[in-house]
Amino acid sequence: MGPYRYSTIHIVAPYRYSAIHIVGAYRYSTNHIVGSYRHSTSHIVGQYRYSTNHIVGQYTNSTNHIVGQYRHSTNHIVGQYRHSTNHIVDQYRHSTNHVVGQ
């Protein structure tokens, strides 16, 4: 698998996967942290606080959370990174059947 390591804590290139998902500079967990944006049950994004369907500035946070250019929903899209049941990170695919690289 080259420099890629798979275990309970999945490491894919510089991206780390575990209960707390780290994708690039983006951190995912129960308290989702995306860049400098923080997501939790009470969604805090930067200095913005989000609830059910709040729009703050250019940021929209609803069922499909959109934060700046970052989309955070059931299929999490963060920057160019896609994070869903089948995790796609950059060119790396991370799903039940782990595919790393192309």
PDB file of N, CA and C in Angstrom:
ATOM      1  N   MET A   1       0.827  -1.197   0.000  1.00  0.00           N
ATOM      2  CA  MET A   1       0.000   0.000   0.000  1.00  0.00           C
ATOM      3  C   MET A   1       0.866   1.253   0.000  1.00  0.00           C
ATOM      4  N   GLY A   2       2.183   1.054  -0.206  1.00  0.00           N
ATOM      5  CA  GLY A   2       3.036   2.238  -0.252  1.00  0.00           C
ATOM      6  C   GLY A   2       3.084   2.925   1.093  1.00  0.00           C
ATOM      7  N   PRO A   3       3.051   4.248   1.105  1.00  0.00           N
ATOM      8  CA  PRO A   3       3.142   4.970   2.378  1.00  0.00           C
ATOM      9  C   PRO A   3       1.811   5.015   3.114  1.00  0.00           C
ATOM     10  N   TYR A   4       0.831   4.271   2.621  1.00  0.00           N
ATOM     11  CA  TYR A   4      -0.503   4.344   3.198  1.00  0.00           C
ATOM     12  C   TYR A   4      -0.674   3.234   4.218  1.00  0.00           C
ATOM     13  N   ARG A   5      -1.277   3.585   5.337  1.00  0.00           N
ATOM     14  CA  ARG A   5      -1.452   2.612   6.400  1.00  0.00           C
ATOM     15  C   ARG A   5      -2.921   2.518   6.750  1.00  0.00           C
ATOM     16  N   TYR A   6      -3.377   1.289   6.910  1.00  0.00           N
ATOM     17  CA  TYR A   6      -4.771   1.081   7.274  1.00  0.00           C
ATOM     18  C   TYR A   6      -4.851   0.300   8.573  1.00  0.00           C
ATOM     19  N   SER A   7      -5.607   0.809   9.485  1.00  0.00           N
ATOM     20  CA  SER A   7      -5.902   0.098  10.719  1.00  0.00           C
ATOM     21  C   SER A   7      -7.156   0.725  11.285  1.00  0.00           C
ATOM     22  N   THR A   8      -7.373   0.523  12.579  1.00  0.00           N
ATOM     23  CA  THR A   8      -8.498   1.214  13.206  1.00  0.00           C
ATOM     24  C   THR A   8      -8.354   2.705  12.970  1.00  0.00           C
ATOM     25  N   ILE A   9      -7.130   3.184  13.084  1.00  0.00           N
ATOM     26  CA  ILE A   9      -6.834   4.573  12.732  1.00  0.00           C
ATOM     27  C   ILE A   9      -6.251   4.538  11.329  1.00  0.00           C
ATOM     28  N   HIS A  10      -7.049   4.938  10.350  1.00  0.00           N
ATOM     29  CA  HIS A  10      -6.610   4.898   8.965  1.00  0.00           C
ATOM     30  C   HIS A  10      -5.761   6.122   8.669  1.00  0.00           C
ATOM     31  N   ILE A  11      -4.619   5.886   8.075  1.00  0.00           N
ATOM     32  CA  ILE A  11      -3.755   6.983   7.637  1.00  0.00           C
ATOM     33  C   ILE A  11      -3.650   6.880   6.123  1.00  0.00           C
ATOM     34  N   VAL A  12      -4.044   7.928   5.438  1.00  0.00           N
ATOM     35  CA  VAL A  12      -4.021   7.958   3.979  1.00  0.00           C
ATOM     36  C   VAL A  12      -3.199   9.168   3.581  1.00  0.00           C
ATOM     37  N   ALA A  13      -2.000   8.926   3.045  1.00  0.00           N
ATOM     38  CA  ALA A  13      -1.078  10.009   2.700  1.00  0.00           C
ATOM     39  C   ALA A  13      -0.959  10.926   3.912  1.00  0.00           C
ATOM     40  N   PRO A  14      -1.073  12.249   3.765  1.00  0.00           N
ATOM     41  CA  PRO A  14      -1.006  13.098   4.949  1.00  0.00           C
ATOM     42  C   PRO A  14      -2.342  13.162   5.677  1.00  0.00           C
ATOM     43  N   TYR A  15      -3.300  12.387   5.213  1.00  0.00           N
ATOM     44  CA  TYR A  15      -4.638  12.446   5.790  1.00  0.00           C
ATOM     45  C   TYR A  15      -4.795  11.327   6.805  1.00  0.00           C
ATOM     46  N   ARG A  16      -5.385  11.646   7.935  1.00  0.00           N
ATOM     47  CA  ARG A  16      -5.554  10.656   8.989  1.00  0.00           C
ATOM     48  C   ARG A  16      -7.029  10.378   9.192  1.00  0.00           C
ATOM     49  N   TYR A  17      -7.340   9.101   9.312  1.00  0.00           N
ATOM     50  CA  TYR A  17      -8.725   8.695   9.530  1.00  0.00           C
ATOM     51  C   TYR A  17      -8.841   7.932  10.835  1.00  0.00           C
ATOM     52  N   SER A  18      -9.786   8.304  11.626  1.00  0.00           N
ATOM     53  CA  SER A  18     -10.112   7.539  12.817  1.00  0.00           C
ATOM     54  C   SER A  18     -11.490   7.972  13.249  1.00  0.00           C
ATOM     55  N   ALA A  19     -11.827   7.680  14.497  1.00  0.00           N
ATOM     56  CA  ALA A  19     -13.084   8.210  15.018  1.00  0.00           C
ATOM     57  C   ALA A  19     -13.087   9.719  14.856  1.00  0.00           C
ATOM     58  N   ILE A  20     -11.922  10.306  15.033  1.00  0.00           N
ATOM     59  CA  ILE A  20     -11.744  11.731  14.748  1.00  0.00           C
ATOM     60  C   ILE A  20     -11.053  11.818  13.402  1.00  0.00           C
ATOM     61  N   HIS A  21     -11.813  12.182  12.370  1.00  0.00           N
ATOM     62  CA  HIS A  21     -11.264  12.242  11.023  1.00  0.00           C
ATOM     63  C   HIS A  21     -10.479  13.528  10.852  1.00  0.00           C
ATOM     64  N   ILE A  22      -9.274  13.398  10.358  1.00  0.00           N
ATOM     65  CA  ILE A  22      -8.464  14.560  10.005  1.00  0.00           C
ATOM     66  C   ILE A  22      -8.218  14.478   8.509  1.00  0.00           C
ATOM     67  N   VAL A  23      -8.657  15.481   7.778  1.00  0.00           N
ATOM     68  CA  VAL A  23      -8.510  15.514   6.327  1.00  0.00           C
ATOM     69  C   VAL A  23      -7.724  16.771   6.006  1.00  0.00           C
ATOM     70  N   GLY A  24      -6.478  16.583   5.621  1.00  0.00           N
ATOM     71  CA  GLY A  24      -5.635  17.744   5.391  1.00  0.00           C
ATOM     72  C   GLY A  24      -5.535  18.531   6.681  1.00  0.00           C
ATOM     73  N   ALA A  25      -5.858  19.807   6.597  1.00  0.00           N
ATOM     74  CA  ALA A  25      -5.852  20.641   7.795  1.00  0.00           C
ATOM     75  C   ALA A  25      -7.210  20.600   8.477  1.00  0.00           C
ATOM     76  N   TYR A  26      -8.095  19.778   7.959  1.00  0.00           N
ATOM     77  CA  TYR A  26      -9.461  19.750   8.456  1.00  0.00           C
ATOM     78  C   TYR A  26      -9.624  18.590   9.420  1.00  0.00           C
ATOM     79  N   ARG A  27     -10.286  18.854  10.532  1.00  0.00           N
ATOM     80  CA  ARG A  27     -10.482  17.829  11.551  1.00  0.00           C
ATOM     81  C   ARG A  27     -11.959  17.504  11.667  1.00  0.00           C
ATOM     82  N   TYR A  28     -12.251  16.215  11.698  1.00  0.00           N
ATOM     83  CA  TYR A  28     -13.631  15.773  11.808  1.00  0.00           C
ATOM     84  C   TYR A  28     -13.816  14.922  13.049  1.00  0.00           C
ATOM     85  N   SER A  29     -14.823  15.215  13.797  1.00  0.00           N
ATOM     86  CA  SER A  29     -15.203  14.361  14.911  1.00  0.00           C
ATOM     87  C   SER A  29     -16.621  14.718  15.291  1.00  0.00           C
ATOM     88  N   THR A  30     -17.055  14.269  16.472  1.00  0.00           N
ATOM     89  CA  THR A  30     -18.366  14.701  16.948  1.00  0.00           C
ATOM     90  C   THR A  30     -18.410  16.214  16.962  1.00  0.00           C
ATOM     91  N   ASN A  31     -17.350  16.808  17.442  1.00  0.00           N
ATOM     92  CA  ASN A  31     -17.181  18.250  17.293  1.00  0.00           C
ATOM     93  C   ASN A  31     -16.361  18.460  16.030  1.00  0.00           C
ATOM     94  N   HIS A  32     -17.044  18.757  14.945  1.00  0.00           N
ATOM     95  CA  HIS A  32     -16.367  18.888  13.663  1.00  0.00           C
ATOM     96  C   HIS A  32     -15.584  20.190  13.630  1.00  0.00           C
ATOM     97  N   ILE A  33     -14.329  20.090  13.268  1.00  0.00           N
ATOM     98  CA  ILE A  33     -13.501  21.273  13.066  1.00  0.00           C
ATOM     99  C   ILE A  33     -13.088  21.271  11.604  1.00  0.00           C
ATOM    100  N   VAL A  34     -13.431  22.318  10.889  1.00  0.00           N
ATOM    101  CA  VAL A  34     -13.128  22.422   9.467  1.00  0.00           C
ATOM    102  C   VAL A  34     -12.302  23.681   9.297  1.00  0.00           C
ATOM    103  N   GLY A  35     -11.024  23.484   9.004  1.00  0.00           N
ATOM    104  CA  GLY A  35     -10.143  24.640   8.925  1.00  0.00           C
ATOM    105  C   GLY A  35     -10.156  25.351  10.263  1.00  0.00           C
ATOM    106  N   SER A  36     -10.433  26.645  10.236  1.00  0.00           N
ATOM    107  CA  SER A  36     -10.551  27.386  11.483  1.00  0.00           C
ATOM    108  C   SER A  36     -12.003  27.398  11.947  1.00  0.00           C
ATOM    109  N   TYR A  37     -12.833  26.631  11.253  1.00  0.00           N
ATOM    110  CA  TYR A  37     -14.249  26.581  11.580  1.00  0.00           C
ATOM    111  C   TYR A  37     -14.510  25.378  12.470  1.00  0.00           C
ATOM    112  N   ARG A  38     -15.325  25.575  13.497  1.00  0.00           N
ATOM    113  CA  ARG A  38     -15.631  24.487  14.417  1.00  0.00           C
ATOM    114  C   ARG A  38     -17.095  24.113  14.291  1.00  0.00           C
ATOM    115  N   HIS A  39     -17.336  22.798  14.196  1.00  0.00           N
ATOM    116  CA  HIS A  39     -18.701  22.301  14.111  1.00  0.00           C
ATOM    117  C   HIS A  39     -18.972  21.368  15.274  1.00  0.00           C
ATOM    118  N   SER A  40     -20.077  21.546  15.912  1.00  0.00           N
ATOM    119  CA  SER A  40     -20.486  20.613  16.944  1.00  0.00           C
ATOM    120  C   SER A  40     -22.002  20.572  16.972  1.00  0.00           C
ATOM    121  N   THR A  41     -22.564  19.968  18.014  1.00  0.00           N
ATOM    122  CA  THR A  41     -24.021  19.930  18.114  1.00  0.00           C
ATOM    123  C   THR A  41     -24.559  21.342  18.051  1.00  0.00           C
ATOM    124  N   SER A  42     -24.001  22.212  18.857  1.00  0.00           N
ATOM    125  CA  SER A  42     -24.228  23.638  18.657  1.00  0.00           C
ATOM    126  C   SER A  42     -23.114  24.091  17.728  1.00  0.00           C
ATOM    127  N   HIS A  43     -23.440  24.279  16.477  1.00  0.00           N
ATOM    128  CA  HIS A  43     -22.413  24.521  15.473  1.00  0.00           C
ATOM    129  C   HIS A  43     -21.774  25.880  15.709  1.00  0.00           C
ATOM    130  N   ILE A  44     -20.457  25.868  15.854  1.00  0.00           N
ATOM    131  CA  ILE A  44     -19.696  27.109  15.961  1.00  0.00           C
ATOM    132  C   ILE A  44     -18.751  27.131  14.771  1.00  0.00           C
ATOM    133  N   VAL A  45     -18.870  28.144  13.950  1.00  0.00           N
ATOM    134  CA  VAL A  45     -18.050  28.246  12.751  1.00  0.00           C
ATOM    135  C   VAL A  45     -17.344  29.583  12.834  1.00  0.00           C
ATOM    136  N   GLY A  46     -16.034  29.517  13.049  1.00  0.00           N
ATOM    137  CA  GLY A  46     -15.311  30.761  13.282  1.00  0.00           C
ATOM    138  C   GLY A  46     -15.914  31.440  14.492  1.00  0.00           C
ATOM    139  N   GLN A  47     -16.332  32.660  14.329  1.00  0.00           N
ATOM    140  CA  GLN A  47     -16.998  33.370  15.399  1.00  0.00           C
ATOM    141  C   GLN A  47     -18.509  33.295  15.223  1.00  0.00           C
ATOM    142  N   TYR A  48     -18.939  32.492  14.268  1.00  0.00           N
ATOM    143  CA  TYR A  48     -20.357  32.397  13.949  1.00  0.00           C
ATOM    144  C   TYR A  48     -20.958  31.194  14.647  1.00  0.00           C
ATOM    145  N   ARG A  49     -22.149  31.363  15.180  1.00  0.00           N
ATOM    146  CA  ARG A  49     -22.847  30.254  15.816  1.00  0.00           C
ATOM    147  C   ARG A  49     -24.010  29.829  14.929  1.00  0.00           C
ATOM    148  N   TYR A  50     -24.128  28.539  14.738  1.00  0.00           N
ATOM    149  CA  TYR A  50     -25.126  28.003  13.830  1.00  0.00           C
ATOM    150  C   TYR A  50     -26.116  27.120  14.560  1.00  0.00           C
ATOM    151  N   SER A  51     -27.376  27.188  14.169  1.00  0.00           N
ATOM    152  CA  SER A  51     -28.378  26.243  14.638  1.00  0.00           C
ATOM    153  C   SER A  51     -29.124  25.687  13.439  1.00  0.00           C
ATOM    154  N   THR A  52     -30.339  25.243  13.614  1.00  0.00           N
ATOM    155  CA  THR A  52     -31.039  24.466  12.592  1.00  0.00           C
ATOM    156  C   THR A  52     -30.842  25.020  11.191  1.00  0.00           C
ATOM    157  N   ASN A  53     -31.226  26.221  10.917  1.00  0.00           N
ATOM    158  CA  ASN A  53     -31.119  26.736   9.550  1.00  0.00           C
ATOM    159  C   ASN A  53     -30.652  28.179   9.586  1.00  0.00           C
ATOM    160  N   HIS A  54     -29.434  28.395  10.060  1.00  0.00           N
ATOM    161  CA  HIS A  54     -28.929  29.747  10.224  1.00  0.00           C
ATOM    162  C   HIS A  54     -28.101  30.156   9.024  1.00  0.00           C
ATOM    163  N   ILE A  55     -28.227  31.406   8.626  1.00  0.00           N
ATOM    164  CA  ILE A  55     -27.346  31.972   7.611  1.00  0.00           C
ATOM    165  C   ILE A  55     -26.615  33.128   8.287  1.00  0.00           C
ATOM    166  N   VAL A  56     -25.307  33.036   8.326  1.00  0.00           N
ATOM    167  CA  VAL A  56     -24.491  34.058   8.972  1.00  0.00           C
ATOM    168  C   VAL A  56     -23.486  34.533   7.946  1.00  0.00           C
ATOM    169  N   GLY A  57     -23.568  35.803   7.588  1.00  0.00           N
ATOM    170  CA  GLY A  57     -22.648  36.326   6.581  1.00  0.00           C
ATOM    171  C   GLY A  57     -22.792  35.540   5.295  1.00  0.00           C
ATOM    172  N   GLN A  58     -21.666  35.083   4.763  1.00  0.00           N
ATOM    173  CA  GLN A  58     -21.690  34.291   3.544  1.00  0.00           C
ATOM    174  C   GLN A  58     -21.805  32.810   3.865  1.00  0.00           C
ATOM    175  N   TYR A  59     -21.914  32.511   5.129  1.00  0.00           N
ATOM    176  CA  TYR A  59     -21.915  31.121   5.547  1.00  0.00           C
ATOM    177  C   TYR A  59     -23.339  30.620   5.725  1.00  0.00           C
ATOM    178  N   THR A  60     -23.638  29.470   5.246  1.00  0.00           N
ATOM    179  CA  THR A  60     -24.944  28.835   5.407  1.00  0.00           C
ATOM    180  C   THR A  60     -24.745  27.521   6.134  1.00  0.00           C
ATOM    181  N   ASN A  61     -25.510  27.321   7.154  1.00  0.00           N
ATOM    182  CA  ASN A  61     -25.414  26.091   7.915  1.00  0.00           C
ATOM    183  C   ASN A  61     -26.801  25.505   8.068  1.00  0.00           C
ATOM    184  N   SER A  62     -27.102  24.429   7.376  1.00  0.00           N
ATOM    185  CA  SER A  62     -28.392  23.769   7.467  1.00  0.00           C
ATOM    186  C   SER A  62     -28.144  22.269   7.500  1.00  0.00           C
ATOM    187  N   THR A  63     -29.135  21.499   7.091  1.00  0.00           N
ATOM    188  CA  THR A  63     -28.926  20.052   7.016  1.00  0.00           C
ATOM    189  C   THR A  63     -27.706  19.760   6.166  1.00  0.00           C
ATOM    190  N   ASN A  64     -27.589  20.415   5.029  1.00  0.00           N
ATOM    191  CA  ASN A  64     -26.353  20.398   4.261  1.00  0.00           C
ATOM    192  C   ASN A  64     -25.575  21.634   4.663  1.00  0.00           C
ATOM    193  N   HIS A  65     -24.603  21.451   5.557  1.00  0.00           N
ATOM    194  CA  HIS A  65     -23.872  22.595   6.085  1.00  0.00           C
ATOM    195  C   HIS A  65     -22.936  23.141   5.019  1.00  0.00           C
ATOM    196  N   ILE A  66     -23.046  24.424   4.749  1.00  0.00           N
ATOM    197  CA  ILE A  66     -22.110  25.079   3.844  1.00  0.00           C
ATOM    198  C   ILE A  66     -21.394  26.138   4.667  1.00  0.00           C
ATOM    199  N   VAL A  67     -20.081  26.046   4.729  1.00  0.00           N
ATOM    200  CA  VAL A  67     -19.280  26.972   5.518  1.00  0.00           C
ATOM    201  C   VAL A  67     -18.255  27.560   4.570  1.00  0.00           C
ATOM    202  N   GLY A  68     -18.418  28.834   4.245  1.00  0.00           N
ATOM    203  CA  GLY A  68     -17.514  29.445   3.277  1.00  0.00           C
ATOM    204  C   GLY A  68     -17.564  28.648   1.987  1.00  0.00           C
ATOM    205  N   GLN A  69     -16.419  28.188   1.544  1.00  0.00           N
ATOM    206  CA  GLN A  69     -16.365  27.335   0.369  1.00  0.00           C
ATOM    207  C   GLN A  69     -16.473  25.873   0.758  1.00  0.00           C
ATOM    208  N   TYR A  70     -16.640  25.640   2.033  1.00  0.00           N
ATOM    209  CA  TYR A  70     -16.654  24.279   2.530  1.00  0.00           C
ATOM    210  C   TYR A  70     -18.088  23.798   2.683  1.00  0.00           C
ATOM    211  N   ARG A  71     -18.380  22.614   2.225  1.00  0.00           N
ATOM    212  CA  ARG A  71     -19.704  22.021   2.351  1.00  0.00           C
ATOM    213  C   ARG A  71     -19.606  20.859   3.331  1.00  0.00           C
ATOM    214  N   HIS A  72     -20.512  20.838   4.276  1.00  0.00           N
ATOM    215  CA  HIS A  72     -20.471  19.825   5.313  1.00  0.00           C
ATOM    216  C   HIS A  72     -21.864  19.235   5.450  1.00  0.00           C
ATOM    217  N   SER A  73     -22.073  18.063   4.898  1.00  0.00           N
ATOM    218  CA  SER A  73     -23.385  17.436   4.916  1.00  0.00           C
ATOM    219  C   SER A  73     -23.192  15.941   5.099  1.00  0.00           C
ATOM    220  N   THR A  74     -24.254  15.184   4.814  1.00  0.00           N
ATOM    221  CA  THR A  74     -24.121  13.725   4.887  1.00  0.00           C
ATOM    222  C   THR A  74     -22.956  13.281   4.028  1.00  0.00           C
ATOM    223  N   ASN A  75     -22.868  13.812   2.830  1.00  0.00           N
ATOM    224  CA  ASN A  75     -21.658  13.680   2.033  1.00  0.00           C
ATOM    225  C   ASN A  75     -20.825  14.915   2.312  1.00  0.00           C
ATOM    226  N   HIS A  76     -19.861  14.789   3.221  1.00  0.00           N
ATOM    227  CA  HIS A  76     -19.078  15.947   3.625  1.00  0.00           C
ATOM    228  C   HIS A  76     -18.151  16.350   2.496  1.00  0.00           C
ATOM    229  N   ILE A  77     -18.257  17.592   2.064  1.00  0.00           N
ATOM    230  CA  ILE A  77     -17.326  18.121   1.081  1.00  0.00           C
ATOM    231  C   ILE A  77     -16.596  19.271   1.761  1.00  0.00           C
ATOM    232  N   VAL A  78     -15.277  19.151   1.867  1.00  0.00           N
ATOM    233  CA  VAL A  78     -14.473  20.170   2.531  1.00  0.00           C
ATOM    234  C   VAL A  78     -13.425  20.604   1.531  1.00  0.00           C
ATOM    235  N   GLY A  79     -13.523  21.847   1.084  1.00  0.00           N
ATOM    236  CA  GLY A  79     -12.605  22.290   0.039  1.00  0.00           C
ATOM    237  C   GLY A  79     -12.769  21.378  -1.164  1.00  0.00           C
ATOM    238  N   GLN A  80     -11.683  20.787  -1.588  1.00  0.00           N
ATOM    239  CA  GLN A  80     -11.738  19.837  -2.690  1.00  0.00           C
ATOM    240  C   GLN A  80     -11.881  18.418  -2.177  1.00  0.00           C
ATOM    241  N   TYR A  81     -12.011  18.283  -0.882  1.00  0.00           N
ATOM    242  CA  TYR A  81     -12.065  16.967  -0.276  1.00  0.00           C
ATOM    243  C   TYR A  81     -13.508  16.547  -0.061  1.00  0.00           C
ATOM    244  N   ARG A  82     -13.845  15.329  -0.379  1.00  0.00           N
ATOM    245  CA  ARG A  82     -15.182  14.789  -0.184  1.00  0.00           C
ATOM    246  C   ARG A  82     -15.116  13.768   0.942  1.00  0.00           C
ATOM    247  N   HIS A  83     -16.018  13.907   1.872  1.00  0.00           N
ATOM    248  CA  HIS A  83     -15.999  13.046   3.042  1.00  0.00           C
ATOM    249  C   HIS A  83     -17.403  12.513   3.256  1.00  0.00           C
ATOM    250  N   SER A  84     -17.635  11.275   2.895  1.00  0.00           N
ATOM    251  CA  SER A  84     -18.964  10.692   2.989  1.00  0.00           C
ATOM    252  C   SER A  84     -18.824   9.245   3.431  1.00  0.00           C
ATOM    253  N   THR A  85     -19.922   8.491   3.293  1.00  0.00           N
ATOM    254  CA  THR A  85     -19.848   7.067   3.631  1.00  0.00           C
ATOM    255  C   THR A  85     -18.716   6.422   2.862  1.00  0.00           C
ATOM    256  N   ASN A  86     -18.639   6.703   1.582  1.00  0.00           N
ATOM    257  CA  ASN A  86     -17.451   6.372   0.808  1.00  0.00           C
ATOM    258  C   ASN A  86     -16.563   7.599   0.839  1.00  0.00           C
ATOM    259  N   HIS A  87     -15.569   7.581   1.727  1.00  0.00           N
ATOM    260  CA  HIS A  87     -14.736   8.762   1.907  1.00  0.00           C
ATOM    261  C   HIS A  87     -13.863   8.959   0.679  1.00  0.00           C
ATOM    262  N   ILE A  88     -13.975  10.127   0.076  1.00  0.00           N
ATOM    263  CA  ILE A  88     -13.081  10.481  -1.017  1.00  0.00           C
ATOM    264  C   ILE A  88     -12.276  11.678  -0.535  1.00  0.00           C
ATOM    265  N   VAL A  89     -10.972  11.500  -0.445  1.00  0.00           N
ATOM    266  CA  VAL A  89     -10.096  12.552   0.045  1.00  0.00           C
ATOM    267  C   VAL A  89      -9.080  12.805  -1.050  1.00  0.00           C
ATOM    268  N   ASP A  90      -9.172  14.021  -1.642  1.00  0.00           N
ATOM    269  CA  ASP A  90      -8.302  14.338  -2.762  1.00  0.00           C
ATOM    270  C   ASP A  90      -8.508  13.254  -3.820  1.00  0.00           C
ATOM    271  N   GLN A  91      -7.491  12.535  -4.196  1.00  0.00           N
ATOM    272  CA  GLN A  91      -7.648  11.472  -5.181  1.00  0.00           C
ATOM    273  C   GLN A  91      -7.782  10.117  -4.501  1.00  0.00           C
ATOM    274  N   TYR A  92      -7.857  10.136  -3.196  1.00  0.00           N
ATOM    275  CA  TYR A  92      -7.895   8.895  -2.448  1.00  0.00           C
ATOM    276  C   TYR A  92      -9.328   8.533  -2.108  1.00  0.00           C
ATOM    277  N   ARG A  93      -9.692   7.273  -2.239  1.00  0.00           N
ATOM    278  CA  ARG A  93     -11.030   6.790  -1.923  1.00  0.00           C
ATOM    279  C   ARG A  93     -10.939   5.935  -0.664  1.00  0.00           C
ATOM    280  N   HIS A  94     -11.823   6.205   0.258  1.00  0.00           N
ATOM    281  CA  HIS A  94     -11.794   5.508   1.532  1.00  0.00           C
ATOM    282  C   HIS A  94     -13.206   5.042   1.834  1.00  0.00           C
ATOM    283  N   SER A  95     -13.456   3.763   1.645  1.00  0.00           N
ATOM    284  CA  SER A  95     -14.788   3.223   1.858  1.00  0.00           C
ATOM    285  C   SER A  95     -14.650   1.852   2.499  1.00  0.00           C
ATOM    286  N   THR A  96     -15.764   1.115   2.510  1.00  0.00           N
ATOM    287  CA  THR A  96     -15.703  -0.240   3.066  1.00  0.00           C
ATOM    288  C   THR A  96     -14.620  -1.036   2.368  1.00  0.00           C
ATOM    289  N   ASN A  97     -14.597  -0.956   1.050  1.00  0.00           N
ATOM    290  CA  ASN A  97     -13.476  -1.490   0.289  1.00  0.00           C
ATOM    291  C   ASN A  97     -12.493  -0.353   0.101  1.00  0.00           C
ATOM    292  N   HIS A  98     -11.402  -0.380   0.874  1.00  0.00           N
ATOM    293  CA  HIS A  98     -10.468   0.737   0.864  1.00  0.00           C
ATOM    294  C   HIS A  98      -9.696   0.758  -0.444  1.00  0.00           C
ATOM    295  N   VAL A  99      -9.759   1.885  -1.132  1.00  0.00           N
ATOM    296  CA  VAL A  99      -8.955   2.088  -2.326  1.00  0.00           C
ATOM    297  C   VAL A  99      -8.120   3.325  -2.064  1.00  0.00           C
ATOM    298  N   VAL A 100      -6.811   3.190  -2.195  1.00  0.00           N
ATOM    299  CA  VAL A 100      -5.903   4.297  -1.916  1.00  0.00           C
ATOM    300  C   VAL A 100      -5.176   4.632  -3.197  1.00  0.00           C
ATOM    301  N   GLY A 101      -5.015   5.930  -3.428  1.00  0.00           N
ATOM    302  CA  GLY A 101      -4.405   6.366  -4.676  1.00  0.00           C
ATOM    303  C   GLY A 101      -5.467   6.343  -5.756  1.00  0.00           C
ATOM    304  N   GLN A 102      -5.111   6.006  -6.927  1.00  0.00           N
ATOM    305  CA  GLN A 102      -6.055   5.940  -8.033  1.00  0.00           C
ATOM    306  C   GLN A 102      -6.539   4.504  -8.213  1.00  0.00           C
TER     307      GLN A 102
END
